Amino acid sequence: SSSQKEIEMDKGHVVVVPYPGQGHINPLLQFAKRLASKGVKATFATTYYTVKSINAPNIGVEPISDGFDEGGFADAKKEDIYIESFKANGSKTLSQLIQKYENTNFPVNCVVYDSFLPWALDVAKQHGIYGAAFFTNTATVCNIFCRIHHGLLTLPAKQEDMPWLIPGLPPLYFRDLPTFIKMPISNPAYLAMKLGQYPNLDKADWSFANTFEELEGEVFFYSLL
């Protein structure tokens, strides 16, 4: 009935966009399922290469393109090539997906995007809808990289500058840090993707973190997100 459709429309339609890696797909898929359990229409937008592996009966699943539709990242071979291709092709096909629903009973009114894909926020804002960042890393990791982005911590991390004293965390020593923080040149594309989560974050309407208060309540309280 028309009244039932109005009730369903009022609950909104959220498109959830993960980075196509298992550690990113899983938490965002669970989040999409949680939205659906609350009566929100949730559409999971993932790459052509991964879309066939998604089994979620209560949510919609739609493909978007990373430019390597047959083999995904393996066909790109290099991180920087893949990231740029996904930005170009993903922006276009995500926009087309939003347009697909514009004149239906379920227009998209929010994009929840993996923080590794900040271009998805730009797409949401181009369509005049809400955008929310979802950080799949822990609040501790996000806090550290956000401080690096803001210039409060400098790279490369050096033994003589240890320990790093970050509110809400125990002192971090040189041995506690991953290699690409000690040696940024070891994986510059991945480091760039980590730091690329933050430049347009102030435009996001909400930020979500893959954590819970009992585990990281204090560090999240002091987070810059």
C-alpha atoms as a PDB file:
ATOM      1  CA  SER A   1       0.000   0.000   0.000  1.00  0.00           C
ATOM      2  CA  SER A   2       1.045   3.656  -0.403  1.00  0.00           C
ATOM      3  CA  SER A   3       1.110   4.188   3.377  1.00  0.00           C
ATOM      4  CA  GLN A   4       3.418   1.197   3.818  1.00  0.00           C
ATOM      5  CA  LYS A   5       5.752   2.583   1.124  1.00  0.00           C
ATOM      6  CA  GLU A   6       5.850   5.943   2.923  1.00  0.00           C
ATOM      7  CA  ILE A   7       6.826   4.210   6.173  1.00  0.00           C
ATOM      8  CA  GLU A   8       9.603   2.306   4.401  1.00  0.00           C
ATOM      9  CA  MET A   9      10.870   5.473   2.678  1.00  0.00           C
ATOM     10  CA  ASP A  10      11.029   7.300   6.018  1.00  0.00           C
ATOM     11  CA  LYS A  11      13.536   4.747   7.274  1.00  0.00           C
ATOM     12  CA  GLY A  12      15.987   5.722   4.559  1.00  0.00           C
ATOM     13  CA  HIS A  13      18.213   3.996   2.038  1.00  0.00           C
ATOM     14  CA  VAL A  14      21.907   3.654   2.833  1.00  0.00           C
ATOM     15  CA  VAL A  15      24.534   2.545   0.330  1.00  0.00           C
ATOM     16  CA  VAL A  16      27.528   0.918   2.061  1.00  0.00           C
ATOM     17  CA  VAL A  17      30.817   0.980   0.127  1.00  0.00           C
ATOM     18  CA  PRO A  18      33.730  -1.195   1.344  1.00  0.00           C
ATOM     19  CA  TYR A  19      37.338  -1.344   0.235  1.00  0.00           C
ATOM     20  CA  PRO A  20      37.418  -4.793  -1.458  1.00  0.00           C
ATOM     21  CA  GLY A  21      39.576  -6.626   1.061  1.00  0.00           C
ATOM     22  CA  GLN A  22      38.319  -9.237   3.512  1.00  0.00           C
ATOM     23  CA  GLY A  23      39.205  -7.218   6.606  1.00  0.00           C
ATOM     24  CA  HIS A  24      37.191  -4.314   5.191  1.00  0.00           C
ATOM     25  CA  ILE A  25      34.277  -6.143   3.586  1.00  0.00           C
ATOM     26  CA  ASN A  26      33.391  -8.131   6.714  1.00  0.00           C
ATOM     27  CA  PRO A  27      32.868  -5.261   9.209  1.00  0.00           C
ATOM     28  CA  LEU A  28      31.037  -3.130   6.661  1.00  0.00           C
ATOM     29  CA  LEU A  29      28.828  -6.046   5.652  1.00  0.00           C
ATOM     30  CA  GLN A  30      27.950  -6.648   9.306  1.00  0.00           C
ATOM     31  CA  PHE A  31      27.147  -2.957   9.640  1.00  0.00           C
ATOM     32  CA  ALA A  32      24.879  -3.119   6.581  1.00  0.00           C
ATOM     33  CA  LYS A  33      23.103  -6.143   8.071  1.00  0.00           C
ATOM     34  CA  ARG A  34      22.641  -4.222  11.305  1.00  0.00           C
ATOM     35  CA  LEU A  35      21.058  -1.324   9.437  1.00  0.00           C
ATOM     36  CA  ALA A  36      18.713  -3.722   7.657  1.00  0.00           C
ATOM     37  CA  SER A  37      17.720  -5.291  10.994  1.00  0.00           C
ATOM     38  CA  LYS A  38      16.511  -1.836  12.067  1.00  0.00           C
ATOM     39  CA  GLY A  39      14.298  -1.503   8.993  1.00  0.00           C
ATOM     40  CA  VAL A  40      16.667   0.649   6.934  1.00  0.00           C
ATOM     41  CA  LYS A  41      17.049  -0.283   3.273  1.00  0.00           C
ATOM     42  CA  ALA A  42      20.743  -1.157   2.910  1.00  0.00           C
ATOM     43  CA  THR A  43      22.557  -1.663  -0.378  1.00  0.00           C
ATOM     44  CA  PHE A  44      26.086  -3.091  -0.330  1.00  0.00           C
ATOM     45  CA  ALA A  45      28.074  -1.678  -3.247  1.00  0.00           C
ATOM     46  CA  THR A  46      31.218  -3.670  -3.908  1.00  0.00           C
ATOM     47  CA  THR A  47      33.449  -4.384  -6.896  1.00  0.00           C
ATOM     48  CA  TYR A  48      32.477  -6.708  -9.731  1.00  0.00           C
ATOM     49  CA  TYR A  49      35.270  -9.066  -8.691  1.00  0.00           C
ATOM     50  CA  THR A  50      33.950  -9.445  -5.128  1.00  0.00           C
ATOM     51  CA  VAL A  51      30.199  -9.002  -5.612  1.00  0.00           C
ATOM     52  CA  LYS A  52      29.574 -12.675  -6.365  1.00  0.00           C
ATOM     53  CA  SER A  53      31.025 -13.715  -3.010  1.00  0.00           C
ATOM     54  CA  ILE A  54      28.580 -11.619  -0.967  1.00  0.00           C
ATOM     55  CA  ASN A  55      25.731 -13.588   0.575  1.00  0.00           C
ATOM     56  CA  ALA A  56      23.412 -11.300   2.492  1.00  0.00           C
ATOM     57  CA  PRO A  57      19.709 -12.150   2.148  1.00  0.00           C
ATOM     58  CA  ASN A  58      18.389  -9.055   3.926  1.00  0.00           C
ATOM     59  CA  ILE A  59      20.354  -6.425   2.017  1.00  0.00           C
ATOM     60  CA  GLY A  60      20.752  -5.455  -1.622  1.00  0.00           C
ATOM     61  CA  VAL A  61      24.067  -6.087  -3.350  1.00  0.00           C
ATOM     62  CA  GLU A  62      25.131  -3.958  -6.311  1.00  0.00           C
ATOM     63  CA  PRO A  63      28.384  -3.880  -8.318  1.00  0.00           C
ATOM     64  CA  ILE A  64      30.591  -0.847  -8.823  1.00  0.00           C
ATOM     65  CA  SER A  65      33.792  -0.824 -10.836  1.00  0.00           C
ATOM     66  CA  ASP A  66      37.413  -0.565  -9.742  1.00  0.00           C
ATOM     67  CA  GLY A  67      38.543  -0.722 -13.366  1.00  0.00           C
ATOM     68  CA  PHE A  68      39.680  -4.342 -13.002  1.00  0.00           C
ATOM     69  CA  ASP A  69      36.359  -6.135 -13.137  1.00  0.00           C
ATOM     70  CA  GLU A  70      37.708  -9.580 -14.023  1.00  0.00           C
ATOM     71  CA  GLY A  71      40.546  -9.970 -11.532  1.00  0.00           C
ATOM     72  CA  GLY A  72      40.449  -7.084  -9.091  1.00  0.00           C
ATOM     73  CA  PHE A  73      43.676  -5.980  -7.416  1.00  0.00           C
ATOM     74  CA  ALA A  74      45.618  -8.951  -8.804  1.00  0.00           C
ATOM     75  CA  ASP A  75      45.198  -7.526 -12.307  1.00  0.00           C
ATOM     76  CA  ALA A  76      46.422  -4.086 -11.238  1.00  0.00           C
ATOM     77  CA  LYS A  77      49.577  -5.558  -9.640  1.00  0.00           C
ATOM     78  CA  LYS A  78      50.567  -2.242  -8.021  1.00  0.00           C
ATOM     79  CA  GLU A  79      48.816  -0.486  -5.148  1.00  0.00           C
ATOM     80  CA  ASP A  80      49.015   3.034  -6.562  1.00  0.00           C
ATOM     81  CA  ILE A  81      47.636   1.948  -9.951  1.00  0.00           C
ATOM     82  CA  TYR A  82      44.745   0.145  -8.274  1.00  0.00           C
ATOM     83  CA  ILE A  83      43.905   3.028  -5.925  1.00  0.00           C
ATOM     84  CA  GLU A  84      43.785   5.582  -8.748  1.00  0.00           C
ATOM     85  CA  SER A  85      41.741   3.273 -10.971  1.00  0.00           C
ATOM     86  CA  PHE A  86      39.251   2.570  -8.201  1.00  0.00           C
ATOM     87  CA  LYS A  87      38.882   6.296  -7.510  1.00  0.00           C
ATOM     88  CA  ALA A  88      38.165   7.111 -11.167  1.00  0.00           C
ATOM     89  CA  ASN A  89      35.911   4.156 -11.961  1.00  0.00           C
ATOM     90  CA  GLY A  90      34.368   3.838  -8.517  1.00  0.00           C
ATOM     91  CA  SER A  91      33.324   7.503  -8.416  1.00  0.00           C
ATOM     92  CA  LYS A  92      31.570   7.183 -11.775  1.00  0.00           C
ATOM     93  CA  THR A  93      29.779   3.907 -11.069  1.00  0.00           C
ATOM     94  CA  LEU A  94      28.793   4.857  -7.496  1.00  0.00           C
ATOM     95  CA  SER A  95      27.236   8.015  -8.898  1.00  0.00           C
ATOM     96  CA  GLN A  96      25.350   5.911 -11.455  1.00  0.00           C
ATOM     97  CA  LEU A  97      24.117   3.627  -8.667  1.00  0.00           C
ATOM     98  CA  ILE A  98      22.761   6.589  -6.707  1.00  0.00           C
ATOM     99  CA  GLN A  99      21.078   7.895  -9.867  1.00  0.00           C
ATOM    100  CA  LYS A 100      19.517   4.476 -10.464  1.00  0.00           C
ATOM    101  CA  TYR A 101      17.419   4.879  -7.319  1.00  0.00           C
ATOM    102  CA  GLU A 102      16.625   8.607  -7.645  1.00  0.00           C
ATOM    103  CA  ASN A 103      13.142   8.186  -9.085  1.00  0.00           C
ATOM    104  CA  THR A 104      12.165   5.081  -7.150  1.00  0.00           C
ATOM    105  CA  ASN A 105      10.393   4.671  -3.817  1.00  0.00           C
ATOM    106  CA  PHE A 106      13.811   4.229  -2.212  1.00  0.00           C
ATOM    107  CA  PRO A 107      16.125   7.108  -3.201  1.00  0.00           C
ATOM    108  CA  VAL A 108      19.557   6.893  -1.603  1.00  0.00           C
ATOM    109  CA  ASN A 109      19.945   9.434   1.185  1.00  0.00           C
ATOM    110  CA  CYS A 110      23.237   8.328   2.737  1.00  0.00           C
ATOM    111  CA  VAL A 111      26.522   6.716   1.710  1.00  0.00           C
ATOM    112  CA  VAL A 112      28.511   4.920   4.402  1.00  0.00           C
ATOM    113  CA  TYR A 113      31.951   4.506   2.932  1.00  0.00           C
ATOM    114  CA  ASP A 114      35.128   2.733   3.938  1.00  0.00           C
ATOM    115  CA  SER A 115      37.493   5.480   5.107  1.00  0.00           C
ATOM    116  CA  PHE A 116      40.068   4.135   2.621  1.00  0.00           C
ATOM    117  CA  LEU A 117      37.746   5.469  -0.129  1.00  0.00           C
ATOM    118  CA  PRO A 118      37.340   9.200   0.664  1.00  0.00           C
ATOM    119  CA  TRP A 119      36.197   9.871  -2.912  1.00  0.00           C
ATOM    120  CA  ALA A 120      32.889   8.199  -2.009  1.00  0.00           C
ATOM    121  CA  LEU A 121      32.168  11.129   0.326  1.00  0.00           C
ATOM    122  CA  ASP A 122      32.725  13.526  -2.559  1.00  0.00           C
ATOM    123  CA  VAL A 123      30.227  11.549  -4.647  1.00  0.00           C
ATOM    124  CA  ALA A 124      27.649  11.666  -1.841  1.00  0.00           C
ATOM    125  CA  LYS A 125      28.013  15.437  -1.491  1.00  0.00           C
ATOM    126  CA  GLN A 126      27.738  15.922  -5.266  1.00  0.00           C
ATOM    127  CA  HIS A 127      24.327  14.275  -5.011  1.00  0.00           C
ATOM    128  CA  GLY A 128      23.324  16.329  -1.978  1.00  0.00           C
ATOM    129  CA  ILE A 129      23.036  13.359   0.387  1.00  0.00           C
ATOM    130  CA  TYR A 130      24.622  12.395   3.698  1.00  0.00           C
ATOM    131  CA  GLY A 131      28.062  10.800   3.870  1.00  0.00           C
ATOM    132  CA  ALA A 132      29.532   8.819   6.763  1.00  0.00           C
ATOM    133  CA  ALA A 133      33.067   7.476   7.138  1.00  0.00           C
ATOM    134  CA  PHE A 134      33.515   3.957   8.499  1.00  0.00           C
ATOM    135  CA  PHE A 135      36.981   3.244   9.911  1.00  0.00           C
ATOM    136  CA  THR A 136      37.681  -0.486   9.786  1.00  0.00           C
ATOM    137  CA  ASN A 137      40.939  -0.129  11.719  1.00  0.00           C
ATOM    138  CA  THR A 138      40.959   0.113  15.497  1.00  0.00           C
ATOM    139  CA  ALA A 139      40.498   3.494  17.166  1.00  0.00           C
ATOM    140  CA  THR A 140      44.119   3.278  18.291  1.00  0.00           C
ATOM    141  CA  VAL A 141      45.436   2.944  14.739  1.00  0.00           C
ATOM    142  CA  CYS A 142      43.098   5.672  13.459  1.00  0.00           C
ATOM    143  CA  ASN A 143      44.160   7.996  16.279  1.00  0.00           C
ATOM    144  CA  ILE A 144      47.845   7.558  15.401  1.00  0.00           C
ATOM    145  CA  PHE A 145      47.402   8.199  11.667  1.00  0.00           C
ATOM    146  CA  CYS A 146      45.106  11.140  12.277  1.00  0.00           C
ATOM    147  CA  ARG A 147      47.818  12.718  14.450  1.00  0.00           C
ATOM    148  CA  ILE A 148      50.369  12.084  11.705  1.00  0.00           C
ATOM    149  CA  HIS A 149      48.015  13.779   9.224  1.00  0.00           C
ATOM    150  CA  HIS A 150      47.716  16.828  11.486  1.00  0.00           C
ATOM    151  CA  GLY A 151      51.486  17.026  11.985  1.00  0.00           C
ATOM    152  CA  LEU A 152      51.354  16.104  15.680  1.00  0.00           C
ATOM    153  CA  LEU A 153      53.518  13.055  14.986  1.00  0.00           C
ATOM    154  CA  THR A 154      56.224  13.002  12.339  1.00  0.00           C
ATOM    155  CA  LEU A 155      57.471  10.309   9.985  1.00  0.00           C
ATOM    156  CA  PRO A 156      59.648   8.393   9.860  1.00  0.00           C
ATOM    157  CA  ALA A 157      59.425   7.405  13.508  1.00  0.00           C
ATOM    158  CA  LYS A 158      62.888   7.503  15.039  1.00  0.00           C
ATOM    159  CA  GLN A 159      64.345   5.597  17.934  1.00  0.00           C
ATOM    160  CA  GLU A 160      65.568   8.814  19.571  1.00  0.00           C
ATOM    161  CA  ASP A 161      62.040  10.309  19.547  1.00  0.00           C
ATOM    162  CA  MET A 162      60.534   7.424  21.477  1.00  0.00           C
ATOM    163  CA  PRO A 163      58.290   6.867  23.249  1.00  0.00           C
ATOM    164  CA  TRP A 164      55.293   8.422  21.543  1.00  0.00           C
ATOM    165  CA  LEU A 165      52.952   9.697  24.246  1.00  0.00           C
ATOM    166  CA  ILE A 166      49.372   9.658  22.952  1.00  0.00           C
ATOM    167  CA  PRO A 167      46.435  10.420  25.277  1.00  0.00           C
ATOM    168  CA  GLY A 168      44.523   7.272  26.137  1.00  0.00           C
ATOM    169  CA  LEU A 169      47.367   4.917  25.174  1.00  0.00           C
ATOM    170  CA  PRO A 170      50.361   3.479  27.013  1.00  0.00           C
ATOM    171  CA  PRO A 171      53.738   4.808  25.822  1.00  0.00           C
ATOM    172  CA  LEU A 172      54.561   3.523  22.329  1.00  0.00           C
ATOM    173  CA  TYR A 173      58.162   2.512  21.716  1.00  0.00           C
ATOM    174  CA  PHE A 174      60.000   1.923  18.463  1.00  0.00           C
ATOM    175  CA  ARG A 175      59.406  -1.828  18.674  1.00  0.00           C
ATOM    176  CA  ASP A 176      55.630  -1.255  18.907  1.00  0.00           C
ATOM    177  CA  LEU A 177      55.340   0.457  15.515  1.00  0.00           C
ATOM    178  CA  PRO A 178      54.813  -1.151  12.089  1.00  0.00           C
ATOM    179  CA  THR A 179      57.627  -1.106   9.530  1.00  0.00           C
ATOM    180  CA  PHE A 180      56.052   1.409   7.164  1.00  0.00           C
ATOM    181  CA  ILE A 181      55.905   3.990   9.968  1.00  0.00           C
ATOM    182  CA  LYS A 182      59.589   3.441  10.701  1.00  0.00           C
ATOM    183  CA  MET A 183      60.406   3.269   6.977  1.00  0.00           C
ATOM    184  CA  PRO A 184      57.691   5.074   4.946  1.00  0.00           C
ATOM    185  CA  ILE A 185      59.449   4.222   1.685  1.00  0.00           C
ATOM    186  CA  SER A 186      58.817   0.517   2.318  1.00  0.00           C
ATOM    187  CA  ASN A 187      55.156   0.860   1.234  1.00  0.00           C
ATOM    188  CA  PRO A 188      54.433   4.428   0.120  1.00  0.00           C
ATOM    189  CA  ALA A 189      51.130   3.626  -1.633  1.00  0.00           C
ATOM    190  CA  TYR A 190      49.647   1.978   1.450  1.00  0.00           C
ATOM    191  CA  LEU A 191      50.883   4.789   3.672  1.00  0.00           C
ATOM    192  CA  ALA A 192      49.317   7.326   1.309  1.00  0.00           C
ATOM    193  CA  MET A 193      46.018   5.443   1.509  1.00  0.00           C
ATOM    194  CA  LYS A 194      46.195   5.468   5.322  1.00  0.00           C
ATOM    195  CA  LEU A 195      46.829   9.209   5.438  1.00  0.00           C
ATOM    196  CA  GLY A 196      44.301   9.845   2.663  1.00  0.00           C
ATOM    197  CA  GLN A 197      41.444   8.993   5.032  1.00  0.00           C
ATOM    198  CA  TYR A 198      41.472  12.408   6.694  1.00  0.00           C
ATOM    199  CA  PRO A 199      41.730  15.438   4.335  1.00  0.00           C
ATOM    200  CA  ASN A 200      37.984  15.670   3.563  1.00  0.00           C
ATOM    201  CA  LEU A 201      36.740  14.052   6.791  1.00  0.00           C
ATOM    202  CA  ASP A 202      35.399  17.370   8.079  1.00  0.00           C
ATOM    203  CA  LYS A 203      32.748  17.143   5.330  1.00  0.00           C
ATOM    204  CA  ALA A 204      31.411  13.823   6.648  1.00  0.00           C
ATOM    205  CA  ASP A 205      28.153  13.930   8.573  1.00  0.00           C
ATOM    206  CA  TRP A 206      29.177  11.054  10.839  1.00  0.00           C
ATOM    207  CA  SER A 207      32.235   8.913  11.567  1.00  0.00           C
ATOM    208  CA  PHE A 208      31.986   5.292  12.685  1.00  0.00           C
ATOM    209  CA  ALA A 209      34.783   3.208  14.196  1.00  0.00           C
ATOM    210  CA  ASN A 210      35.100  -0.575  14.228  1.00  0.00           C
ATOM    211  CA  THR A 211      35.559  -0.887  17.984  1.00  0.00           C
ATOM    212  CA  PHE A 212      33.660  -0.882  21.263  1.00  0.00           C
ATOM    213  CA  GLU A 213      33.860   1.253  24.381  1.00  0.00           C
ATOM    214  CA  GLU A 214      35.100  -1.412  26.781  1.00  0.00           C
ATOM    215  CA  LEU A 215      38.112  -2.054  24.552  1.00  0.00           C
ATOM    216  CA  GLU A 216      39.120   1.450  23.448  1.00  0.00           C
ATOM    217  CA  GLY A 217      36.888   3.872  25.297  1.00  0.00           C
ATOM    218  CA  GLU A 218      39.703   6.071  26.559  1.00  0.00           C
ATOM    219  CA  VAL A 219      41.653   6.343  23.311  1.00  0.00           C
ATOM    220  CA  PHE A 220      38.424   7.038  21.417  1.00  0.00           C
ATOM    221  CA  PHE A 221      37.600   9.815  23.889  1.00  0.00           C
ATOM    222  CA  TYR A 222      40.880  11.503  22.951  1.00  0.00           C
ATOM    223  CA  SER A 223      40.567  10.736  19.243  1.00  0.00           C
ATOM    224  CA  LEU A 224      40.844  13.554  16.701  1.00  0.00           C
ATOM    225  CA  LEU A 225      38.274  11.926  14.394  1.00  0.00           C
END
